[in-house]
Amino acid sequence: MRAHQIMTKHIIAVSPHTKILDAANIMLRCHLSGLPVMDEDGTLRGMVSEGDFLERGEIGTGHKRSAWLELFTGAGRAATDFVHERGRKG
């Protein structure tokens, strides 16, 4: 199998300024597992995929932790999780 056999021929892309929730809704509506992120001049800046939406606080899928677990893991773990859930590569 080759890429052209499974790829979408009509490109649906988002801009770097598209809200995460909007990108997720586009993917759901169009039955896509990923979207290219394009600049105004058409330069590919990256990709947004289904995996990017797992455990994201912005769309209500953030990691929930019990108060007891928080007590035992401490603030350091909570801070690491916060950065992982909300961090960006730039």
PDB file of N, CA and C in Angstrom:
ATOM      1  N   MET A   1       0.839  -1.169   0.000  1.00  0.00           N
ATOM      2  CA  MET A   1       0.000   0.000   0.000  1.00  0.00           C
ATOM      3  C   MET A   1       0.896   1.249   0.000  1.00  0.00           C
ATOM      4  N   ARG A   2       0.463   2.257  -0.691  1.00  0.00           N
ATOM      5  CA  ARG A   2       1.209   3.516  -0.786  1.00  0.00           C
ATOM      6  C   ARG A   2       0.358   4.665  -0.238  1.00  0.00           C
ATOM      7  N   ALA A   3       1.027   5.748   0.124  1.00  0.00           N
ATOM      8  CA  ALA A   3       0.351   6.886   0.755  1.00  0.00           C
ATOM      9  C   ALA A   3      -0.809   7.412  -0.082  1.00  0.00           C
ATOM     10  N   HIS A   4      -0.639   7.483  -1.401  1.00  0.00           N
ATOM     11  CA  HIS A   4      -1.696   8.036  -2.251  1.00  0.00           C
ATOM     12  C   HIS A   4      -2.979   7.211  -2.210  1.00  0.00           C
ATOM     13  N   GLN A   5      -2.884   5.971  -1.760  1.00  0.00           N
ATOM     14  CA  GLN A   5      -4.048   5.102  -1.702  1.00  0.00           C
ATOM     15  C   GLN A   5      -4.943   5.381  -0.486  1.00  0.00           C
ATOM     16  N   ILE A   6      -4.410   6.037   0.529  1.00  0.00           N
ATOM     17  CA  ILE A   6      -5.206   6.303   1.726  1.00  0.00           C
ATOM     18  C   ILE A   6      -5.307   7.785   2.066  1.00  0.00           C
ATOM     19  N   MET A   7      -4.559   8.630   1.387  1.00  0.00           N
ATOM     20  CA  MET A   7      -4.561  10.045   1.737  1.00  0.00           C
ATOM     21  C   MET A   7      -5.817  10.753   1.236  1.00  0.00           C
ATOM     22  N   THR A   8      -6.100  11.893   1.837  1.00  0.00           N
ATOM     23  CA  THR A   8      -7.207  12.737   1.422  1.00  0.00           C
ATOM     24  C   THR A   8      -6.728  13.613   0.280  1.00  0.00           C
ATOM     25  N   LYS A   9      -7.472  13.654  -0.794  1.00  0.00           N
ATOM     26  CA  LYS A   9      -7.046  14.433  -1.957  1.00  0.00           C
ATOM     27  C   LYS A   9      -7.336  15.924  -1.810  1.00  0.00           C
ATOM     28  N   HIS A  10      -8.426  16.263  -1.121  1.00  0.00           N
ATOM     29  CA  HIS A  10      -8.767  17.667  -0.895  1.00  0.00           C
ATOM     30  C   HIS A  10      -8.278  18.059   0.494  1.00  0.00           C
ATOM     31  N   ILE A  11      -7.292  18.931   0.539  1.00  0.00           N
ATOM     32  CA  ILE A  11      -6.642  19.279   1.795  1.00  0.00           C
ATOM     33  C   ILE A  11      -7.511  20.209   2.621  1.00  0.00           C
ATOM     34  N   ILE A  12      -7.690  19.832   3.866  1.00  0.00           N
ATOM     35  CA  ILE A  12      -8.330  20.696   4.856  1.00  0.00           C
ATOM     36  C   ILE A  12      -7.235  21.018   5.857  1.00  0.00           C
ATOM     37  N   ALA A  13      -6.903  22.296   5.971  1.00  0.00           N
ATOM     38  CA  ALA A  13      -5.811  22.719   6.848  1.00  0.00           C
ATOM     39  C   ALA A  13      -6.309  23.761   7.829  1.00  0.00           C
ATOM     40  N   VAL A  14      -5.537  23.968   8.878  1.00  0.00           N
ATOM     41  CA  VAL A  14      -5.804  25.020   9.851  1.00  0.00           C
ATOM     42  C   VAL A  14      -4.589  25.931   9.931  1.00  0.00           C
ATOM     43  N   SER A  15      -4.788  27.091  10.511  1.00  0.00           N
ATOM     44  CA  SER A  15      -3.675  28.027  10.685  1.00  0.00           C
ATOM     45  C   SER A  15      -3.092  27.855  12.087  1.00  0.00           C
ATOM     46  N   PRO A  16      -1.908  28.419  12.333  1.00  0.00           N
ATOM     47  CA  PRO A  16      -1.338  28.345  13.673  1.00  0.00           C
ATOM     48  C   PRO A  16      -2.208  29.057  14.714  1.00  0.00           C
ATOM     49  N   HIS A  17      -3.123  29.889  14.277  1.00  0.00           N
ATOM     50  CA  HIS A  17      -3.972  30.657  15.191  1.00  0.00           C
ATOM     51  C   HIS A  17      -5.320  29.992  15.438  1.00  0.00           C
ATOM     52  N   THR A  18      -5.582  28.844  14.799  1.00  0.00           N
ATOM     53  CA  THR A  18      -6.841  28.129  14.992  1.00  0.00           C
ATOM     54  C   THR A  18      -6.918  27.602  16.416  1.00  0.00           C
ATOM     55  N   LYS A  19      -8.061  27.779  17.042  1.00  0.00           N
ATOM     56  CA  LYS A  19      -8.251  27.268  18.397  1.00  0.00           C
ATOM     57  C   LYS A  19      -8.275  25.745  18.356  1.00  0.00           C
ATOM     58  N   ILE A  20      -7.736  25.133  19.411  1.00  0.00           N
ATOM     59  CA  ILE A  20      -7.659  23.680  19.513  1.00  0.00           C
ATOM     60  C   ILE A  20      -9.052  23.055  19.393  1.00  0.00           C
ATOM     61  N   LEU A  21     -10.027  23.637  20.055  1.00  0.00           N
ATOM     62  CA  LEU A  21     -11.383  23.105  19.995  1.00  0.00           C
ATOM     63  C   LEU A  21     -11.933  23.151  18.573  1.00  0.00           C
ATOM     64  N   ASP A  22     -11.630  24.230  17.846  1.00  0.00           N
ATOM     65  CA  ASP A  22     -12.071  24.336  16.452  1.00  0.00           C
ATOM     66  C   ASP A  22     -11.416  23.257  15.581  1.00  0.00           C
ATOM     67  N   ALA A  23     -10.127  23.022  15.785  1.00  0.00           N
ATOM     68  CA  ALA A  23      -9.431  21.981  15.019  1.00  0.00           C
ATOM     69  C   ALA A  23     -10.035  20.612  15.311  1.00  0.00           C
ATOM     70  N   ALA A  24     -10.336  20.345  16.579  1.00  0.00           N
ATOM     71  CA  ALA A  24     -10.948  19.065  16.950  1.00  0.00           C
ATOM     72  C   ALA A  24     -12.312  18.905  16.286  1.00  0.00           C
ATOM     73  N   ASN A  25     -13.090  19.970  16.268  1.00  0.00           N
ATOM     74  CA  ASN A  25     -14.411  19.903  15.637  1.00  0.00           C
ATOM     75  C   ASN A  25     -14.313  19.678  14.130  1.00  0.00           C
ATOM     76  N   ILE A  26     -13.345  20.297  13.483  1.00  0.00           N
ATOM     77  CA  ILE A  26     -13.134  20.078  12.048  1.00  0.00           C
ATOM     78  C   ILE A  26     -12.788  18.618  11.792  1.00  0.00           C
ATOM     79  N   MET A  27     -11.897  18.065  12.610  1.00  0.00           N
ATOM     80  CA  MET A  27     -11.493  16.678  12.437  1.00  0.00           C
ATOM     81  C   MET A  27     -12.673  15.730  12.632  1.00  0.00           C
ATOM     82  N   LEU A  28     -13.505  16.006  13.634  1.00  0.00           N
ATOM     83  CA  LEU A  28     -14.681  15.163  13.870  1.00  0.00           C
ATOM     84  C   LEU A  28     -15.679  15.271  12.725  1.00  0.00           C
ATOM     85  N   ARG A  29     -15.960  16.494  12.311  1.00  0.00           N
ATOM     86  CA  ARG A  29     -16.949  16.731  11.250  1.00  0.00           C
ATOM     87  C   ARG A  29     -16.515  16.110   9.923  1.00  0.00           C
ATOM     88  N   CYS A  30     -15.214  16.176   9.629  1.00  0.00           N
ATOM     89  CA  CYS A  30     -14.697  15.689   8.336  1.00  0.00           C
ATOM     90  C   CYS A  30     -14.140  14.268   8.409  1.00  0.00           C
ATOM     91  N   HIS A  31     -14.233  13.645   9.577  1.00  0.00           N
ATOM     92  CA  HIS A  31     -13.735  12.275   9.769  1.00  0.00           C
ATOM     93  C   HIS A  31     -12.256  12.169   9.428  1.00  0.00           C
ATOM     94  N   LEU A  32     -11.457  13.077   9.994  1.00  0.00           N
ATOM     95  CA  LEU A  32     -10.011  13.103   9.767  1.00  0.00           C
ATOM     96  C   LEU A  32      -9.277  12.770  11.056  1.00  0.00           C
ATOM     97  N   SER A  33      -8.114  12.164  10.934  1.00  0.00           N
ATOM     98  CA  SER A  33      -7.307  11.857  12.117  1.00  0.00           C
ATOM     99  C   SER A  33      -6.189  12.876  12.311  1.00  0.00           C
ATOM    100  N   GLY A  34      -6.026  13.801  11.361  1.00  0.00           N
ATOM    101  CA  GLY A  34      -5.001  14.823  11.481  1.00  0.00           C
ATOM    102  C   GLY A  34      -5.224  15.954  10.500  1.00  0.00           C
ATOM    103  N   LEU A  35      -4.645  17.092  10.810  1.00  0.00           N
ATOM    104  CA  LEU A  35      -4.738  18.274   9.953  1.00  0.00           C
ATOM    105  C   LEU A  35      -3.373  18.927   9.814  1.00  0.00           C
ATOM    106  N   PRO A  36      -3.005  19.360   8.609  1.00  0.00           N
ATOM    107  CA  PRO A  36      -1.785  20.156   8.482  1.00  0.00           C
ATOM    108  C   PRO A  36      -2.041  21.561   9.029  1.00  0.00           C
ATOM    109  N   VAL A  37      -1.018  22.134   9.615  1.00  0.00           N
ATOM    110  CA  VAL A  37      -1.084  23.516  10.107  1.00  0.00           C
ATOM    111  C   VAL A  37      -0.251  24.354   9.143  1.00  0.00           C
ATOM    112  N   MET A  38      -0.926  25.270   8.442  1.00  0.00           N
ATOM    113  CA  MET A  38      -0.281  26.054   7.380  1.00  0.00           C
ATOM    114  C   MET A  38      -0.284  27.547   7.717  1.00  0.00           C
ATOM    115  N   ASP A  39       0.825  28.217   7.398  1.00  0.00           N
ATOM    116  CA  ASP A  39       0.910  29.678   7.497  1.00  0.00           C
ATOM    117  C   ASP A  39       0.067  30.321   6.402  1.00  0.00           C
ATOM    118  N   GLU A  40      -0.080  31.638   6.490  1.00  0.00           N
ATOM    119  CA  GLU A  40      -0.829  32.389   5.481  1.00  0.00           C
ATOM    120  C   GLU A  40      -0.232  32.226   4.087  1.00  0.00           C
ATOM    121  N   ASP A  41       1.086  32.042   4.007  1.00  0.00           N
ATOM    122  CA  ASP A  41       1.748  31.899   2.700  1.00  0.00           C
ATOM    123  C   ASP A  41       1.806  30.445   2.214  1.00  0.00           C
ATOM    124  N   GLY A  42       1.144  29.530   2.947  1.00  0.00           N
ATOM    125  CA  GLY A  42       1.087  28.144   2.517  1.00  0.00           C
ATOM    126  C   GLY A  42       2.215  27.271   3.014  1.00  0.00           C
ATOM    127  N   THR A  43       3.064  27.798   3.894  1.00  0.00           N
ATOM    128  CA  THR A  43       4.164  27.017   4.455  1.00  0.00           C
ATOM    129  C   THR A  43       3.642  26.072   5.529  1.00  0.00           C
ATOM    130  N   LEU A  44       4.013  24.808   5.419  1.00  0.00           N
ATOM    131  CA  LEU A  44       3.625  23.831   6.422  1.00  0.00           C
ATOM    132  C   LEU A  44       4.371  24.122   7.719  1.00  0.00           C
ATOM    133  N   ARG A  45       3.622  24.319   8.808  1.00  0.00           N
ATOM    134  CA  ARG A  45       4.222  24.620  10.108  1.00  0.00           C
ATOM    135  C   ARG A  45       4.205  23.415  11.035  1.00  0.00           C
ATOM    136  N   GLY A  46       3.341  22.442  10.731  1.00  0.00           N
ATOM    137  CA  GLY A  46       3.257  21.258  11.573  1.00  0.00           C
ATOM    138  C   GLY A  46       1.989  20.494  11.301  1.00  0.00           C
ATOM    139  N   MET A  47       1.695  19.566  12.199  1.00  0.00           N
ATOM    140  CA  MET A  47       0.499  18.741  12.087  1.00  0.00           C
ATOM    141  C   MET A  47      -0.209  18.703  13.435  1.00  0.00           C
ATOM    142  N   VAL A  48      -1.515  18.611  13.388  1.00  0.00           N
ATOM    143  CA  VAL A  48      -2.331  18.373  14.574  1.00  0.00           C
ATOM    144  C   VAL A  48      -2.967  17.007  14.358  1.00  0.00           C
ATOM    145  N   SER A  49      -2.838  16.127  15.334  1.00  0.00           N
ATOM    146  CA  SER A  49      -3.397  14.787  15.171  1.00  0.00           C
ATOM    147  C   SER A  49      -4.280  14.429  16.362  1.00  0.00           C
ATOM    148  N   GLU A  50      -4.985  13.314  16.239  1.00  0.00           N
ATOM    149  CA  GLU A  50      -5.845  12.856  17.325  1.00  0.00           C
ATOM    150  C   GLU A  50      -5.083  12.743  18.638  1.00  0.00           C
ATOM    151  N   GLY A  51      -3.862  12.283  18.570  1.00  0.00           N
ATOM    152  CA  GLY A  51      -3.049  12.116  19.771  1.00  0.00           C
ATOM    153  C   GLY A  51      -2.804  13.411  20.514  1.00  0.00           C
ATOM    154  N   ASP A  52      -2.830  14.534  19.793  1.00  0.00           N
ATOM    155  CA  ASP A  52      -2.630  15.828  20.435  1.00  0.00           C
ATOM    156  C   ASP A  52      -3.794  16.211  21.329  1.00  0.00           C
ATOM    157  N   PHE A  53      -4.946  15.569  21.150  1.00  0.00           N
ATOM    158  CA  PHE A  53      -6.129  15.927  21.921  1.00  0.00           C
ATOM    159  C   PHE A  53      -6.332  15.059  23.153  1.00  0.00           C
ATOM    160  N   LEU A  54      -5.533  14.047  23.318  1.00  0.00           N
ATOM    161  CA  LEU A  54      -5.665  13.207  24.493  1.00  0.00           C
ATOM    162  C   LEU A  54      -5.184  13.977  25.717  1.00  0.00           C
ATOM    163  N   GLU A  55      -5.996  14.009  26.732  1.00  0.00           N
ATOM    164  CA  GLU A  55      -5.692  14.685  27.991  1.00  0.00           C
ATOM    165  C   GLU A  55      -5.326  16.150  27.806  1.00  0.00           C
ATOM    166  N   ARG A  56      -6.188  16.905  27.134  1.00  0.00           N
ATOM    167  CA  ARG A  56      -6.000  18.342  26.951  1.00  0.00           C
ATOM    168  C   ARG A  56      -7.051  19.090  27.763  1.00  0.00           C
ATOM    169  N   GLY A  57      -6.615  19.929  28.670  1.00  0.00           N
ATOM    170  CA  GLY A  57      -7.531  20.696  29.501  1.00  0.00           C
ATOM    171  C   GLY A  57      -8.415  21.642  28.720  1.00  0.00           C
ATOM    172  N   GLU A  58      -7.907  22.163  27.583  1.00  0.00           N
ATOM    173  CA  GLU A  58      -8.659  23.133  26.797  1.00  0.00           C
ATOM    174  C   GLU A  58      -9.959  22.567  26.242  1.00  0.00           C
ATOM    175  N   ILE A  59      -9.997  21.266  26.026  1.00  0.00           N
ATOM    176  CA  ILE A  59     -11.195  20.668  25.438  1.00  0.00           C
ATOM    177  C   ILE A  59     -11.880  19.711  26.408  1.00  0.00           C
ATOM    178  N   GLY A  60     -11.519  19.802  27.673  1.00  0.00           N
ATOM    179  CA  GLY A  60     -12.210  19.015  28.687  1.00  0.00           C
ATOM    180  C   GLY A  60     -11.765  17.574  28.814  1.00  0.00           C
ATOM    181  N   THR A  61     -10.594  17.234  28.281  1.00  0.00           N
ATOM    182  CA  THR A  61     -10.105  15.863  28.400  1.00  0.00           C
ATOM    183  C   THR A  61      -8.873  15.791  29.297  1.00  0.00           C
ATOM    184  N   GLY A  62      -8.705  16.803  30.125  1.00  0.00           N
ATOM    185  CA  GLY A  62      -7.540  16.865  31.004  1.00  0.00           C
ATOM    186  C   GLY A  62      -7.484  15.718  31.993  1.00  0.00           C
ATOM    187  N   HIS A  63      -6.305  15.452  32.478  1.00  0.00           N
ATOM    188  CA  HIS A  63      -6.063  14.362  33.416  1.00  0.00           C
ATOM    189  C   HIS A  63      -6.654  14.724  34.775  1.00  0.00           C
ATOM    190  N   LYS A  64      -7.525  13.871  35.289  1.00  0.00           N
ATOM    191  CA  LYS A  64      -8.117  14.077  36.616  1.00  0.00           C
ATOM    192  C   LYS A  64      -7.369  13.214  37.618  1.00  0.00           C
ATOM    193  N   ARG A  65      -7.018  13.794  38.735  1.00  0.00           N
ATOM    194  CA  ARG A  65      -6.252  13.081  39.760  1.00  0.00           C
ATOM    195  C   ARG A  65      -6.947  13.291  41.102  1.00  0.00           C
ATOM    196  N   SER A  66      -7.039  12.245  41.880  1.00  0.00           N
ATOM    197  CA  SER A  66      -7.683  12.350  43.189  1.00  0.00           C
ATOM    198  C   SER A  66      -6.822  13.194  44.130  1.00  0.00           C
ATOM    199  N   ALA A  67      -7.464  13.762  45.127  1.00  0.00           N
ATOM    200  CA  ALA A  67      -6.742  14.582  46.105  1.00  0.00           C
ATOM    201  C   ALA A  67      -5.716  13.753  46.865  1.00  0.00           C
ATOM    202  N   TRP A  68      -6.031  12.484  47.130  1.00  0.00           N
ATOM    203  CA  TRP A  68      -5.089  11.607  47.827  1.00  0.00           C
ATOM    204  C   TRP A  68      -3.845  11.357  46.986  1.00  0.00           C
ATOM    205  N   LEU A  69      -4.035  11.090  45.714  1.00  0.00           N
ATOM    206  CA  LEU A  69      -2.895  10.866  44.834  1.00  0.00           C
ATOM    207  C   LEU A  69      -2.049  12.131  44.726  1.00  0.00           C
ATOM    208  N   GLU A  70      -2.703  13.270  44.670  1.00  0.00           N
ATOM    209  CA  GLU A  70      -2.001  14.561  44.622  1.00  0.00           C
ATOM    210  C   GLU A  70      -1.130  14.744  45.862  1.00  0.00           C
ATOM    211  N   LEU A  71      -1.658  14.354  47.003  1.00  0.00           N
ATOM    212  CA  LEU A  71      -0.915  14.470  48.257  1.00  0.00           C
ATOM    213  C   LEU A  71       0.363  13.635  48.213  1.00  0.00           C
ATOM    214  N   PHE A  72       0.269  12.426  47.656  1.00  0.00           N
ATOM    215  CA  PHE A  72       1.428  11.533  47.626  1.00  0.00           C
ATOM    216  C   PHE A  72       2.422  11.859  46.506  1.00  0.00           C
ATOM    217  N   THR A  73       1.934  12.356  45.380  1.00  0.00           N
ATOM    218  CA  THR A  73       2.844  12.641  44.274  1.00  0.00           C
ATOM    219  C   THR A  73       3.501  14.005  44.408  1.00  0.00           C
ATOM    220  N   GLY A  74       2.868  14.917  45.110  1.00  0.00           N
ATOM    221  CA  GLY A  74       3.449  16.232  45.352  1.00  0.00           C
ATOM    222  C   GLY A  74       3.263  17.198  44.199  1.00  0.00           C
ATOM    223  N   ALA A  75       3.639  18.436  44.442  1.00  0.00           N
ATOM    224  CA  ALA A  75       3.459  19.519  43.474  1.00  0.00           C
ATOM    225  C   ALA A  75       4.356  19.342  42.247  1.00  0.00           C
ATOM    226  N   GLY A  76       5.509  18.726  42.399  1.00  0.00           N
ATOM    227  CA  GLY A  76       6.415  18.541  41.269  1.00  0.00           C
ATOM    228  C   GLY A  76       5.790  17.731  40.157  1.00  0.00           C
ATOM    229  N   ARG A  77       5.114  16.678  40.508  1.00  0.00           N
ATOM    230  CA  ARG A  77       4.450  15.834  39.504  1.00  0.00           C
ATOM    231  C   ARG A  77       3.296  16.590  38.852  1.00  0.00           C
ATOM    232  N   ALA A  78       2.555  17.347  39.654  1.00  0.00           N
ATOM    233  CA  ALA A  78       1.444  18.128  39.110  1.00  0.00           C
ATOM    234  C   ALA A  78       1.961  19.166  38.121  1.00  0.00           C
ATOM    235  N   ALA A  79       3.089  19.787  38.435  1.00  0.00           N
ATOM    236  CA  ALA A  79       3.670  20.787  37.533  1.00  0.00           C
ATOM    237  C   ALA A  79       4.147  20.134  36.236  1.00  0.00           C
ATOM    238  N   THR A  80       4.752  18.974  36.335  1.00  0.00           N
ATOM    239  CA  THR A  80       5.202  18.255  35.149  1.00  0.00           C
ATOM    240  C   THR A  80       4.019  17.878  34.258  1.00  0.00           C
ATOM    241  N   ASP A  81       2.948  17.393  34.876  1.00  0.00           N
ATOM    242  CA  ASP A  81       1.745  17.039  34.116  1.00  0.00           C
ATOM    243  C   ASP A  81       1.138  18.270  33.452  1.00  0.00           C
ATOM    244  N   PHE A  82       1.133  19.400  34.165  1.00  0.00           N
ATOM    245  CA  PHE A  82       0.586  20.638  33.613  1.00  0.00           C
ATOM    246  C   PHE A  82       1.350  21.044  32.352  1.00  0.00           C
ATOM    247  N   VAL A  83       2.665  21.007  32.408  1.00  0.00           N
ATOM    248  CA  VAL A  83       3.487  21.372  31.253  1.00  0.00           C
ATOM    249  C   VAL A  83       3.255  20.392  30.113  1.00  0.00           C
ATOM    250  N   HIS A  84       3.163  19.106  30.434  1.00  0.00           N
ATOM    251  CA  HIS A  84       2.937  18.091  29.394  1.00  0.00           C
ATOM    252  C   HIS A  84       1.589  18.293  28.710  1.00  0.00           C
ATOM    253  N   GLU A  85       0.555  18.607  29.481  1.00  0.00           N
ATOM    254  CA  GLU A  85      -0.788  18.771  28.926  1.00  0.00           C
ATOM    255  C   GLU A  85      -0.935  20.078  28.145  1.00  0.00           C
ATOM    256  N   ARG A  86      -0.227  21.122  28.556  1.00  0.00           N
ATOM    257  CA  ARG A  86      -0.440  22.440  27.956  1.00  0.00           C
ATOM    258  C   ARG A  86       0.761  22.981  27.201  1.00  0.00           C
ATOM    259  N   GLY A  87       1.863  22.237  27.229  1.00  0.00           N
ATOM    260  CA  GLY A  87       3.080  22.707  26.579  1.00  0.00           C
ATOM    261  C   GLY A  87       2.984  22.727  25.070  1.00  0.00           C
ATOM    262  N   ARG A  88       3.809  23.538  24.473  1.00  0.00           N
ATOM    263  CA  ARG A  88       3.861  23.648  23.008  1.00  0.00           C
ATOM    264  C   ARG A  88       5.297  23.595  22.569  1.00  0.00           C
ATOM    265  N   LYS A  89       5.483  23.069  21.382  1.00  0.00           N
ATOM    266  CA  LYS A  89       6.808  23.104  20.776  1.00  0.00           C
ATOM    267  C   LYS A  89       6.801  24.244  19.786  1.00  0.00           C
ATOM    268  N   GLY A  90       7.802  25.096  19.852  1.00  0.00           N
ATOM    269  CA  GLY A  90       7.769  26.253  18.976  1.00  0.00           C
ATOM    270  C   GLY A  90       8.915  26.421  18.184  1.00  0.00           C
TER     271      GLY A  90
END
